[in-house]
PDB file of all heavy atoms in Angstrom:
ATOM      1  N   ALA A   1      -5.780  50.867-102.750  1.00  0.00           N
ATOM      2  CA  ALA A   1      -6.973  50.421-103.473  1.00  0.00           C
ATOM      3  C   ALA A   1      -7.009  51.109-104.821  1.00  0.00           C
ATOM      4  O   ALA A   1      -6.639  52.279-104.925  1.00  0.00           O
ATOM      5  CB  ALA A   1      -8.247  50.745-102.690  1.00  0.00           C
ATOM      6  N   CYS A   2      -7.464  50.389-105.831  1.00  0.00           N
ATOM      7  CA  CYS A   2      -7.564  50.936-107.173  1.00  0.00           C
ATOM      8  C   CYS A   2      -8.868  50.519-107.822  1.00  0.00           C
ATOM      9  O   CYS A   2      -9.422  49.467-107.478  1.00  0.00           O
ATOM     10  CB  CYS A   2      -6.384  50.478-108.039  1.00  0.00           C
ATOM     11  SG  CYS A   2      -4.796  51.161-107.514  1.00  0.00           S
ATOM     12  N   ILE A   3      -9.326  51.343-108.766  1.00  0.00           N
ATOM     13  CA  ILE A   3     -10.582  51.062-109.442  1.00  0.00           C
ATOM     14  C   ILE A   3     -10.448  51.387-110.922  1.00  0.00           C
ATOM     15  O   ILE A   3      -9.762  52.348-111.298  1.00  0.00           O
ATOM     16  CB  ILE A   3     -11.737  51.877-108.804  1.00  0.00           C
ATOM     17  CG1 ILE A   3     -13.088  51.475-109.390  1.00  0.00           C
ATOM     18  CG2 ILE A   3     -11.510  53.384-108.937  1.00  0.00           C
ATOM     19  CD1 ILE A   3     -14.274  52.015-108.615  1.00  0.00           C
ATOM     20  N   SER A   4     -11.084  50.578-111.729  1.00  0.00           N
ATOM     21  CA  SER A   4     -11.165  50.830-113.156  1.00  0.00           C
ATOM     22  C   SER A   4     -12.419  51.644-113.433  1.00  0.00           C
ATOM     23  O   SER A   4     -13.527  51.207-113.118  1.00  0.00           O
ATOM     24  CB  SER A   4     -11.223  49.521-113.939  1.00  0.00           C
ATOM     25  OG  SER A   4     -11.665  49.757-115.258  1.00  0.00           O
ATOM     26  N   SER A   5     -12.249  52.834-114.000  1.00  0.00           N
ATOM     27  CA  SER A   5     -13.391  53.663-114.317  1.00  0.00           C
ATOM     28  C   SER A   5     -14.214  53.064-115.454  1.00  0.00           C
ATOM     29  O   SER A   5     -15.396  53.340-115.587  1.00  0.00           O
ATOM     30  CB  SER A   5     -12.934  55.072-114.691  1.00  0.00           C
ATOM     31  OG  SER A   5     -14.033  55.948-114.829  1.00  0.00           O
ATOM     32  N   GLU A   6     -13.588  52.222-116.255  1.00  0.00           N
ATOM     33  CA  GLU A   6     -14.267  51.661-117.415  1.00  0.00           C
ATOM     34  C   GLU A   6     -15.250  50.574-117.017  1.00  0.00           C
ATOM     35  O   GLU A   6     -16.389  50.551-117.494  1.00  0.00           O
ATOM     36  CB  GLU A   6     -13.253  51.114-118.403  1.00  0.00           C
ATOM     37  CG  GLU A   6     -13.866  50.607-119.703  1.00  0.00           C
ATOM     38  CD  GLU A   6     -12.829  50.291-120.742  1.00  0.00           C
ATOM     39  OE1 GLU A   6     -11.630  50.284-120.399  1.00  0.00           O
ATOM     40  OE2 GLU A   6     -13.212  50.030-121.888  1.00  0.00           O
ATOM     41  N   ASP A   7     -14.819  49.651-116.143  1.00  0.00           N
ATOM     42  CA  ASP A   7     -15.715  48.542-115.803  1.00  0.00           C
ATOM     43  C   ASP A   7     -16.008  48.404-114.314  1.00  0.00           C
ATOM     44  O   ASP A   7     -16.719  47.488-113.901  1.00  0.00           O
ATOM     45  CB  ASP A   7     -15.171  47.218-116.351  1.00  0.00           C
ATOM     46  CG  ASP A   7     -13.831  46.825-115.746  1.00  0.00           C
ATOM     47  OD1 ASP A   7     -13.435  47.426-114.720  1.00  0.00           O
ATOM     48  OD2 ASP A   7     -13.176  45.923-116.296  1.00  0.00           O
ATOM     49  N   GLY A   8     -15.432  49.281-113.489  1.00  0.00           N
ATOM     50  CA  GLY A   8     -15.719  49.260-112.064  1.00  0.00           C
ATOM     51  C   GLY A   8     -14.998  48.197-111.271  1.00  0.00           C
ATOM     52  O   GLY A   8     -15.227  48.052-110.069  1.00  0.00           O
ATOM     53  N   SER A   9     -14.114  47.452-111.915  1.00  0.00           N
ATOM     54  CA  SER A   9     -13.369  46.441-111.173  1.00  0.00           C
ATOM     55  C   SER A   9     -12.453  47.116-110.162  1.00  0.00           C
ATOM     56  O   SER A   9     -12.047  48.265-110.337  1.00  0.00           O
ATOM     57  CB  SER A   9     -12.575  45.553-112.128  1.00  0.00           C
ATOM     58  OG  SER A   9     -11.691  46.321-112.907  1.00  0.00           O
ATOM     59  N   THR A  10     -12.159  46.391-109.090  1.00  0.00           N
ATOM     60  CA  THR A  10     -11.361  46.959-108.005  1.00  0.00           C
ATOM     61  C   THR A  10     -10.244  46.016-107.596  1.00  0.00           C
ATOM     62  O   THR A  10     -10.279  44.809-107.863  1.00  0.00           O
ATOM     63  CB  THR A  10     -12.231  47.258-106.777  1.00  0.00           C
ATOM     64  OG1 THR A  10     -12.884  46.054-106.362  1.00  0.00           O
ATOM     65  CG2 THR A  10     -13.265  48.323-107.071  1.00  0.00           C
ATOM     66  N   TYR A  11      -9.261  46.582-106.934  1.00  0.00           N
ATOM     67  CA  TYR A  11      -8.160  45.836-106.349  1.00  0.00           C
ATOM     68  C   TYR A  11      -7.862  46.454-104.980  1.00  0.00           C
ATOM     69  O   TYR A  11      -7.865  47.681-104.840  1.00  0.00           O
ATOM     70  CB  TYR A  11      -6.913  45.896-107.223  1.00  0.00           C
ATOM     71  CG  TYR A  11      -5.677  45.368-106.518  1.00  0.00           C
ATOM     72  CD1 TYR A  11      -5.403  44.008-106.491  1.00  0.00           C
ATOM     73  CD2 TYR A  11      -4.813  46.233-105.850  1.00  0.00           C
ATOM     74  CE1 TYR A  11      -4.291  43.516-105.823  1.00  0.00           C
ATOM     75  CE2 TYR A  11      -3.707  45.753-105.181  1.00  0.00           C
ATOM     76  CZ  TYR A  11      -3.444  44.398-105.171  1.00  0.00           C
ATOM     77  OH  TYR A  11      -2.353  43.909-104.499  1.00  0.00           O
ATOM     78  N   TYR A  12      -7.607  45.611-103.996  1.00  0.00           N
ATOM     79  CA  TYR A  12      -7.274  46.077-102.652  1.00  0.00           C
ATOM     80  C   TYR A  12      -6.006  45.399-102.161  1.00  0.00           C
ATOM     81  O   TYR A  12      -5.799  44.202-102.387  1.00  0.00           O
ATOM     82  CB  TYR A  12      -8.405  45.760-101.668  1.00  0.00           C
ATOM     83  CG  TYR A  12      -9.690  46.509-101.931  1.00  0.00           C
ATOM     84  CD1 TYR A  12     -10.696  45.952-102.703  1.00  0.00           C
ATOM     85  CD2 TYR A  12      -9.879  47.794-101.414  1.00  0.00           C
ATOM     86  CE1 TYR A  12     -11.869  46.640-102.955  1.00  0.00           C
ATOM     87  CE2 TYR A  12     -11.051  48.493-101.661  1.00  0.00           C
ATOM     88  CZ  TYR A  12     -12.037  47.906-102.437  1.00  0.00           C
ATOM     89  OH  TYR A  12     -13.197  48.597-102.688  1.00  0.00           O
ATOM     90  N   ALA A  13      -5.197  46.159-101.452  1.00  0.00           N
ATOM     91  CA  ALA A  13      -4.067  45.561-100.758  1.00  0.00           C
ATOM     92  C   ALA A  13      -4.597  44.684 -99.628  1.00  0.00           C
ATOM     93  O   ALA A  13      -5.644  44.972 -99.040  1.00  0.00           O
ATOM     94  CB  ALA A  13      -3.167  46.656-100.192  1.00  0.00           C
ATOM     95  N   ASP A  14      -3.869  43.627 -99.318  1.00  0.00           N
ATOM     96  CA  ASP A  14      -4.314  42.711 -98.254  1.00  0.00           C
ATOM     97  C   ASP A  14      -4.484  43.442 -96.922  1.00  0.00           C
ATOM     98  O   ASP A  14      -5.349  43.084 -96.118  1.00  0.00           O
ATOM     99  CB  ASP A  14      -3.302  41.577 -98.093  1.00  0.00           C
ATOM    100  CG  ASP A  14      -3.348  40.591 -99.235  1.00  0.00           C
ATOM    101  OD1 ASP A  14      -4.356  40.573 -99.978  1.00  0.00           O
ATOM    102  OD2 ASP A  14      -2.371  39.840 -99.402  1.00  0.00           O
ATOM    103  N   SER A  15      -3.669  44.463 -96.704  1.00  0.00           N
ATOM    104  CA  SER A  15      -3.680  45.166 -95.418  1.00  0.00           C
ATOM    105  C   SER A  15      -4.983  45.936 -95.171  1.00  0.00           C
ATOM    106  O   SER A  15      -5.280  46.297 -94.028  1.00  0.00           O
ATOM    107  CB  SER A  15      -2.499  46.136 -95.340  1.00  0.00           C
ATOM    108  OG  SER A  15      -2.537  47.047 -96.412  1.00  0.00           O
ATOM    109  N   VAL A  16      -5.763  46.207 -96.230  1.00  0.00           N
ATOM    110  CA  VAL A  16      -6.982  46.987 -96.059  1.00  0.00           C
ATOM    111  C   VAL A  16      -8.233  46.239 -96.513  1.00  0.00           C
ATOM    112  O   VAL A  16      -9.350  46.750 -96.360  1.00  0.00           O
ATOM    113  CB  VAL A  16      -6.899  48.332 -96.808  1.00  0.00           C
ATOM    114  CG1 VAL A  16      -5.663  49.100 -96.391  1.00  0.00           C
ATOM    115  CG2 VAL A  16      -6.940  48.141 -98.319  1.00  0.00           C
ATOM    116  N   LYS A  17      -8.073  45.051 -97.052  1.00  0.00           N
ATOM    117  CA  LYS A  17      -9.198  44.288 -97.565  1.00  0.00           C
ATOM    118  C   LYS A  17     -10.233  44.063 -96.465  1.00  0.00           C
ATOM    119  O   LYS A  17      -9.891  43.660 -95.349  1.00  0.00           O
ATOM    120  CB  LYS A  17      -8.704  42.950 -98.132  1.00  0.00           C
ATOM    121  CG  LYS A  17      -9.447  42.448 -99.328  1.00  0.00           C
ATOM    122  CD  LYS A  17      -8.758  41.229 -99.926  1.00  0.00           C
ATOM    123  CE  LYS A  17      -7.620  41.610-100.807  1.00  0.00           C
ATOM    124  NZ  LYS A  17      -7.013  40.439-101.489  1.00  0.00           N
ATOM    125  N   GLY A  18     -11.487  44.348 -96.771  1.00  0.00           N
ATOM    126  CA  GLY A  18     -12.559  44.183 -95.795  1.00  0.00           C
ATOM    127  C   GLY A  18     -12.793  45.400 -94.930  1.00  0.00           C
ATOM    128  O   GLY A  18     -13.808  45.478 -94.219  1.00  0.00           O
ATOM    129  N   ARG A  19     -11.874  46.362 -94.958  1.00  0.00           N
ATOM    130  CA  ARG A  19     -12.024  47.584 -94.163  1.00  0.00           C
ATOM    131  C   ARG A  19     -12.201  48.826 -95.030  1.00  0.00           C
ATOM    132  O   ARG A  19     -12.908  49.753 -94.637  1.00  0.00           O
ATOM    133  CB  ARG A  19     -10.808  47.775 -93.248  1.00  0.00           C
ATOM    134  CG  ARG A  19     -10.561  46.648 -92.283  1.00  0.00           C
ATOM    135  CD  ARG A  19      -9.469  47.006 -91.281  1.00  0.00           C
ATOM    136  NE  ARG A  19      -8.176  47.228 -91.923  1.00  0.00           N
ATOM    137  CZ  ARG A  19      -7.474  48.367 -91.815  1.00  0.00           C
ATOM    138  NH1 ARG A  19      -7.938  49.370 -91.095  1.00  0.00           N
ATOM    139  NH2 ARG A  19      -6.288  48.474 -92.419  1.00  0.00           N
ATOM    140  N   PHE A  20     -11.550  48.868 -96.170  1.00  0.00           N
ATOM    141  CA  PHE A  20     -11.595  50.030 -97.060  1.00  0.00           C
ATOM    142  C   PHE A  20     -12.425  49.688 -98.298  1.00  0.00           C
ATOM    143  O   PHE A  20     -12.414  48.543 -98.772  1.00  0.00           O
ATOM    144  CB  PHE A  20     -10.193  50.420 -97.513  1.00  0.00           C
ATOM    145  CG  PHE A  20      -9.314  51.014 -96.438  1.00  0.00           C
ATOM    146  CD1 PHE A  20      -9.662  50.999 -95.101  1.00  0.00           C
ATOM    147  CD2 PHE A  20      -8.107  51.611 -96.794  1.00  0.00           C
ATOM    148  CE1 PHE A  20      -8.850  51.541 -94.140  1.00  0.00           C
ATOM    149  CE2 PHE A  20      -7.273  52.175 -95.842  1.00  0.00           C
ATOM    150  CZ  PHE A  20      -7.640  52.117 -94.503  1.00  0.00           C
ATOM    151  N   THR A  21     -13.120  50.704 -98.824  1.00  0.00           N
ATOM    152  CA  THR A  21     -13.893  50.546-100.052  1.00  0.00           C
ATOM    153  C   THR A  21     -13.627  51.721-100.979  1.00  0.00           C
ATOM    154  O   THR A  21     -13.779  52.882-100.567  1.00  0.00           O
ATOM    155  CB  THR A  21     -15.398  50.469 -99.756  1.00  0.00           C
ATOM    156  OG1 THR A  21     -15.652  49.391 -98.844  1.00  0.00           O
ATOM    157  CG2 THR A  21     -16.188  50.235-101.039  1.00  0.00           C
ATOM    158  N   ILE A  22     -13.246  51.430-102.209  1.00  0.00           N
ATOM    159  CA  ILE A  22     -13.034  52.469-103.215  1.00  0.00           C
ATOM    160  C   ILE A  22     -14.268  52.522-104.102  1.00  0.00           C
ATOM    161  O   ILE A  22     -14.843  51.477-104.450  1.00  0.00           O
ATOM    162  CB  ILE A  22     -11.748  52.210-104.036  1.00  0.00           C
ATOM    163  CG1 ILE A  22     -11.426  53.411-104.926  1.00  0.00           C
ATOM    164  CG2 ILE A  22     -11.830  50.918-104.823  1.00  0.00           C
ATOM    165  CD1 ILE A  22     -10.046  53.329-105.597  1.00  0.00           C
ATOM    166  N   SER A  23     -14.682  53.735-104.463  1.00  0.00           N
ATOM    167  CA  SER A  23     -15.850  53.892-105.320  1.00  0.00           C
ATOM    168  C   SER A  23     -15.702  55.167-106.146  1.00  0.00           C
ATOM    169  O   SER A  23     -14.830  55.997-105.880  1.00  0.00           O
ATOM    170  CB  SER A  23     -17.136  53.945-104.493  1.00  0.00           C
ATOM    171  OG  SER A  23     -17.126  55.062-103.625  1.00  0.00           O
ATOM    172  N   GLU A  24     -16.597  55.299-107.140  1.00  0.00           N
ATOM    173  CA  GLU A  24     -16.538  56.442-108.040  1.00  0.00           C
ATOM    174  C   GLU A  24     -17.940  56.997-108.222  1.00  0.00           C
ATOM    175  O   GLU A  24     -18.913  56.243-108.255  1.00  0.00           O
ATOM    176  CB  GLU A  24     -15.966  56.013-109.395  1.00  0.00           C
ATOM    177  CG  GLU A  24     -15.733  57.142-110.372  1.00  0.00           C
ATOM    178  CD  GLU A  24     -15.093  56.655-111.657  1.00  0.00           C
ATOM    179  OE1 GLU A  24     -15.140  55.439-111.923  1.00  0.00           O
ATOM    180  OE2 GLU A  24     -14.541  57.482-112.388  1.00  0.00           O
ATOM    181  N   ASP A  25     -18.066  58.305-108.353  1.00  0.00           N
ATOM    182  CA  ASP A  25     -19.381  58.894-108.566  1.00  0.00           C
ATOM    183  C   ASP A  25     -19.831  58.689-110.000  1.00  0.00           C
ATOM    184  O   ASP A  25     -19.027  58.413-110.895  1.00  0.00           O
ATOM    185  CB  ASP A  25     -19.378  60.377-108.209  1.00  0.00           C
ATOM    186  CG  ASP A  25     -18.642  61.230-109.234  1.00  0.00           C
ATOM    187  OD1 ASP A  25     -17.662  60.737-109.822  1.00  0.00           O
ATOM    188  OD2 ASP A  25     -19.039  62.391-109.444  1.00  0.00           O
ATOM    189  N   ASN A  26     -21.130  58.825-110.232  1.00  0.00           N
ATOM    190  CA  ASN A  26     -21.677  58.553-111.560  1.00  0.00           C
ATOM    191  C   ASN A  26     -21.156  59.530-112.611  1.00  0.00           C
ATOM    192  O   ASN A  26     -21.099  59.202-113.794  1.00  0.00           O
ATOM    193  CB  ASN A  26     -23.201  58.614-111.533  1.00  0.00           C
ATOM    194  CG  ASN A  26     -23.796  57.449-110.764  1.00  0.00           C
ATOM    195  OD1 ASN A  26     -23.180  56.384-110.657  1.00  0.00           O
ATOM    196  ND2 ASN A  26     -24.981  57.645-110.218  1.00  0.00           N
ATOM    197  N   GLY A  27     -20.778  60.723-112.186  1.00  0.00           N
ATOM    198  CA  GLY A  27     -20.278  61.720-113.126  1.00  0.00           C
ATOM    199  C   GLY A  27     -18.832  61.515-113.534  1.00  0.00           C
ATOM    200  O   GLY A  27     -18.304  62.260-114.358  1.00  0.00           O
ATOM    201  N   LYS A  28     -18.188  60.488-112.973  1.00  0.00           N
ATOM    202  CA  LYS A  28     -16.795  60.156-113.302  1.00  0.00           C
ATOM    203  C   LYS A  28     -15.863  61.341-113.042  1.00  0.00           C
ATOM    204  O   LYS A  28     -14.932  61.610-113.816  1.00  0.00           O
ATOM    205  CB  LYS A  28     -16.666  59.741-114.781  1.00  0.00           C
ATOM    206  CG  LYS A  28     -17.604  58.629-115.207  1.00  0.00           C
ATOM    207  CD  LYS A  28     -17.134  57.294-114.712  1.00  0.00           C
ATOM    208  CE  LYS A  28     -17.986  56.168-115.302  1.00  0.00           C
ATOM    209  NZ  LYS A  28     -17.536  54.855-114.855  1.00  0.00           N
ATOM    210  N   THR A  29     -16.126  62.068-111.945  1.00  0.00           N
ATOM    211  CA  THR A  29     -15.237  63.171-111.608  1.00  0.00           C
ATOM    212  C   THR A  29     -14.595  63.017-110.238  1.00  0.00           C
ATOM    213  O   THR A  29     -13.633  63.718-109.934  1.00  0.00           O
ATOM    214  CB  THR A  29     -16.006  64.505-111.620  1.00  0.00           C
ATOM    215  OG1 THR A  29     -17.061  64.458-110.652  1.00  0.00           O
ATOM    216  CG2 THR A  29     -16.579  64.808-112.998  1.00  0.00           C
ATOM    217  N   THR A  30     -15.136  62.134-109.419  1.00  0.00           N
ATOM    218  CA  THR A  30     -14.642  61.995-108.055  1.00  0.00           C
ATOM    219  C   THR A  30     -14.554  60.526-107.662  1.00  0.00           C
ATOM    220  O   THR A  30     -15.466  59.750-107.960  1.00  0.00           O
ATOM    221  CB  THR A  30     -15.554  62.723-107.060  1.00  0.00           C
ATOM    222  OG1 THR A  30     -15.688  64.096-107.443  1.00  0.00           O
ATOM    223  CG2 THR A  30     -14.971  62.680-105.642  1.00  0.00           C
ATOM    224  N   VAL A  31     -13.458  60.178-107.018  1.00  0.00           N
ATOM    225  CA  VAL A  31     -13.274  58.835-106.489  1.00  0.00           C
ATOM    226  C   VAL A  31     -13.166  58.950-104.972  1.00  0.00           C
ATOM    227  O   VAL A  31     -12.545  59.881-104.456  1.00  0.00           O
ATOM    228  CB  VAL A  31     -12.020  58.181-107.086  1.00  0.00           C
ATOM    229  CG1 VAL A  31     -11.679  56.881-106.373  1.00  0.00           C
ATOM    230  CG2 VAL A  31     -12.228  57.913-108.571  1.00  0.00           C
ATOM    231  N   TYR A  32     -13.783  57.994-104.287  1.00  0.00           N
ATOM    232  CA  TYR A  32     -13.809  58.016-102.829  1.00  0.00           C
ATOM    233  C   TYR A  32     -13.057  56.807-102.256  1.00  0.00           C
ATOM    234  O   TYR A  32     -12.952  55.768-102.894  1.00  0.00           O
ATOM    235  CB  TYR A  32     -15.259  57.971-102.338  1.00  0.00           C
ATOM    236  CG  TYR A  32     -16.118  59.076-102.887  1.00  0.00           C
ATOM    237  CD1 TYR A  32     -16.942  58.861-103.989  1.00  0.00           C
ATOM    238  CD2 TYR A  32     -16.106  60.338-102.313  1.00  0.00           C
ATOM    239  CE1 TYR A  32     -17.735  59.869-104.504  1.00  0.00           C
ATOM    240  CE2 TYR A  32     -16.896  61.362-102.815  1.00  0.00           C
ATOM    241  CZ  TYR A  32     -17.703  61.122-103.916  1.00  0.00           C
ATOM    242  OH  TYR A  32     -18.479  62.129-104.416  1.00  0.00           O
ATOM    243  N   LEU A  33     -12.589  56.980-101.041  1.00  0.00           N
ATOM    244  CA  LEU A  33     -12.027  55.863-100.278  1.00  0.00           C
ATOM    245  C   LEU A  33     -12.677  55.891 -98.904  1.00  0.00           C
ATOM    246  O   LEU A  33     -12.380  56.771 -98.081  1.00  0.00           O
ATOM    247  CB  LEU A  33     -10.509  55.963-100.156  1.00  0.00           C
ATOM    248  CG  LEU A  33      -9.850  54.776 -99.459  1.00  0.00           C
ATOM    249  CD1 LEU A  33      -9.970  53.526-100.353  1.00  0.00           C
ATOM    250  CD2 LEU A  33      -8.383  55.046 -99.143  1.00  0.00           C
ATOM    251  N   GLN A  34     -13.598  54.964 -98.680  1.00  0.00           N
ATOM    252  CA  GLN A  34     -14.239  54.824 -97.384  1.00  0.00           C
ATOM    253  C   GLN A  34     -13.362  53.928 -96.522  1.00  0.00           C
ATOM    254  O   GLN A  34     -13.096  52.780 -96.898  1.00  0.00           O
ATOM    255  CB  GLN A  34     -15.631  54.213 -97.536  1.00  0.00           C
ATOM    256  CG  GLN A  34     -16.355  53.981 -96.216  1.00  0.00           C
ATOM    257  CD  GLN A  34     -16.693  55.266 -95.495  1.00  0.00           C
ATOM    258  OE1 GLN A  34     -17.134  56.238 -96.097  1.00  0.00           O
ATOM    259  NE2 GLN A  34     -16.490  55.283 -94.176  1.00  0.00           N
ATOM    260  N   MET A  35     -12.921  54.456 -95.397  1.00  0.00           N
ATOM    261  CA  MET A  35     -12.008  53.725 -94.521  1.00  0.00           C
ATOM    262  C   MET A  35     -12.697  53.471 -93.186  1.00  0.00           C
ATOM    263  O   MET A  35     -13.043  54.424 -92.479  1.00  0.00           O
ATOM    264  CB  MET A  35     -10.720  54.527 -94.317  1.00  0.00           C
ATOM    265  CG  MET A  35     -10.043  54.925 -95.617  1.00  0.00           C
ATOM    266  SD  MET A  35      -8.439  55.722 -95.357  1.00  0.00           S
ATOM    267  CE  MET A  35      -8.946  57.218 -94.517  1.00  0.00           C
ATOM    268  N   ASN A  36     -12.900  52.203 -92.876  1.00  0.00           N
ATOM    269  CA  ASN A  36     -13.540  51.804 -91.624  1.00  0.00           C
ATOM    270  C   ASN A  36     -12.563  51.017 -90.765  1.00  0.00           C
ATOM    271  O   ASN A  36     -11.549  50.527 -91.254  1.00  0.00           O
ATOM    272  CB  ASN A  36     -14.781  50.965 -91.910  1.00  0.00           C
ATOM    273  CG  ASN A  36     -15.838  51.713 -92.695  1.00  0.00           C
ATOM    274  OD1 ASN A  36     -15.987  52.936 -92.581  1.00  0.00           O
ATOM    275  ND2 ASN A  36     -16.584  50.999 -93.523  1.00  0.00           N
ATOM    276  N   SER A  37     -12.889  50.883 -89.498  1.00  0.00           N
ATOM    277  CA  SER A  37     -12.065  50.109 -88.555  1.00  0.00           C
ATOM    278  C   SER A  37     -10.597  50.521 -88.643  1.00  0.00           C
ATOM    279  O   SER A  37      -9.704  49.678 -88.746  1.00  0.00           O
ATOM    280  CB  SER A  37     -12.210  48.608 -88.849  1.00  0.00           C
ATOM    281  OG  SER A  37     -13.553  48.203 -88.752  1.00  0.00           O
ATOM    282  N   LEU A  38     -10.375  51.809 -88.606  1.00  0.00           N
ATOM    283  CA  LEU A  38      -9.018  52.330 -88.784  1.00  0.00           C
ATOM    284  C   LEU A  38      -8.113  51.929 -87.637  1.00  0.00           C
ATOM    285  O   LEU A  38      -8.542  51.814 -86.479  1.00  0.00           O
ATOM    286  CB  LEU A  38      -9.056  53.847 -88.940  1.00  0.00           C
ATOM    287  CG  LEU A  38      -9.510  54.323 -90.313  1.00  0.00           C
ATOM    288  CD1 LEU A  38      -9.960  55.765 -90.283  1.00  0.00           C
ATOM    289  CD2 LEU A  38      -8.397  54.139 -91.339  1.00  0.00           C
ATOM    290  N   LYS A  39      -6.861  51.703 -87.994  1.00  0.00           N
ATOM    291  CA  LYS A  39      -5.840  51.287 -87.034  1.00  0.00           C
ATOM    292  C   LYS A  39      -4.709  52.309 -87.033  1.00  0.00           C
ATOM    293  O   LYS A  39      -4.513  53.025 -88.029  1.00  0.00           O
ATOM    294  CB  LYS A  39      -5.264  49.932 -87.448  1.00  0.00           C
ATOM    295  CG  LYS A  39      -6.293  48.844 -87.661  1.00  0.00           C
ATOM    296  CD  LYS A  39      -5.627  47.594 -88.222  1.00  0.00           C
ATOM    297  CE  LYS A  39      -6.642  46.501 -88.488  1.00  0.00           C
ATOM    298  NZ  LYS A  39      -5.992  45.284 -89.072  1.00  0.00           N
ATOM    299  N   PRO A  40      -3.920  52.368 -85.962  1.00  0.00           N
ATOM    300  CA  PRO A  40      -2.767  53.288 -85.974  1.00  0.00           C
ATOM    301  C   PRO A  40      -1.835  53.045 -87.152  1.00  0.00           C
ATOM    302  O   PRO A  40      -1.222  53.988 -87.670  1.00  0.00           O
ATOM    303  CB  PRO A  40      -2.089  52.970 -84.635  1.00  0.00           C
ATOM    304  CG  PRO A  40      -3.211  52.537 -83.752  1.00  0.00           C
ATOM    305  CD  PRO A  40      -4.142  51.759 -84.649  1.00  0.00           C
ATOM    306  N   GLY A  41      -1.734  51.820 -87.601  1.00  0.00           N
ATOM    307  CA  GLY A  41      -0.895  51.489 -88.753  1.00  0.00           C
ATOM    308  C   GLY A  41      -1.388  52.064 -90.061  1.00  0.00           C
ATOM    309  O   GLY A  41      -0.669  52.025 -91.061  1.00  0.00           O
ATOM    310  N   ASP A  42      -2.617  52.604 -90.076  1.00  0.00           N
ATOM    311  CA  ASP A  42      -3.143  53.247 -91.279  1.00  0.00           C
ATOM    312  C   ASP A  42      -2.703  54.701 -91.384  1.00  0.00           C
ATOM    313  O   ASP A  42      -2.976  55.367 -92.387  1.00  0.00           O
ATOM    314  CB  ASP A  42      -4.667  53.191 -91.293  1.00  0.00           C
ATOM    315  CG  ASP A  42      -5.205  51.773 -91.385  1.00  0.00           C
ATOM    316  OD1 ASP A  42      -4.668  50.985 -92.187  1.00  0.00           O
ATOM    317  OD2 ASP A  42      -6.159  51.461 -90.657  1.00  0.00           O
ATOM    318  N   THR A  43      -2.034  55.206 -90.358  1.00  0.00           N
ATOM    319  CA  THR A  43      -1.558  56.583 -90.376  1.00  0.00           C
ATOM    320  C   THR A  43      -0.564  56.795 -91.506  1.00  0.00           C
ATOM    321  O   THR A  43       0.423  56.074 -91.627  1.00  0.00           O
ATOM    322  CB  THR A  43      -0.895  56.936 -89.034  1.00  0.00           C
ATOM    323  OG1 THR A  43      -1.888  56.883 -87.999  1.00  0.00           O
ATOM    324  CG2 THR A  43      -0.277  58.313 -89.076  1.00  0.00           C
ATOM    325  N   ALA A  44      -0.856  57.780 -92.351  1.00  0.00           N
ATOM    326  CA  ALA A  44      -0.017  58.042 -93.523  1.00  0.00           C
ATOM    327  C   ALA A  44      -0.567  59.250 -94.270  1.00  0.00           C
ATOM    328  O   ALA A  44      -1.685  59.708 -93.995  1.00  0.00           O
ATOM    329  CB  ALA A  44       0.004  56.832 -94.462  1.00  0.00           C
ATOM    330  N   VAL A  45       0.221  59.736 -95.217  1.00  0.00           N
ATOM    331  CA  VAL A  45      -0.305  60.669 -96.205  1.00  0.00           C
ATOM    332  C   VAL A  45      -0.901  59.828 -97.336  1.00  0.00           C
ATOM    333  O   VAL A  45      -0.236  58.931 -97.859  1.00  0.00           O
ATOM    334  CB  VAL A  45       0.794  61.596 -96.750  1.00  0.00           C
ATOM    335  CG1 VAL A  45       0.222  62.509 -97.839  1.00  0.00           C
ATOM    336  CG2 VAL A  45       1.402  62.421 -95.624  1.00  0.00           C
ATOM    337  N   TYR A  46      -2.136  60.107 -97.656  1.00  0.00           N
ATOM    338  CA  TYR A  46      -2.852  59.375 -98.697  1.00  0.00           C
ATOM    339  C   TYR A  46      -2.916  60.211 -99.972  1.00  0.00           C
ATOM    340  O   TYR A  46      -3.289  61.386 -99.933  1.00  0.00           O
ATOM    341  CB  TYR A  46      -4.261  59.030 -98.223  1.00  0.00           C
ATOM    342  CG  TYR A  46      -4.296  57.889 -97.236  1.00  0.00           C
ATOM    343  CD1 TYR A  46      -3.818  58.055 -95.938  1.00  0.00           C
ATOM    344  CD2 TYR A  46      -4.776  56.635 -97.605  1.00  0.00           C
ATOM    345  CE1 TYR A  46      -3.820  56.996 -95.038  1.00  0.00           C
ATOM    346  CE2 TYR A  46      -4.788  55.575 -96.702  1.00  0.00           C
ATOM    347  CZ  TYR A  46      -4.315  55.764 -95.421  1.00  0.00           C
ATOM    348  OH  TYR A  46      -4.315  54.718 -94.527  1.00  0.00           O
TER     349      TYR A  46
END
């Protein structure tokens, strides 16, 4: 998942669409990845 800090647009891989959400805090210092409905196939170093 990727996000544009300038306009907030996002892109998601098909494998995580609908399950993962990328977001950024208002201070533009931290980006989050909320991962729901996790599957064994999501196991990885992120």
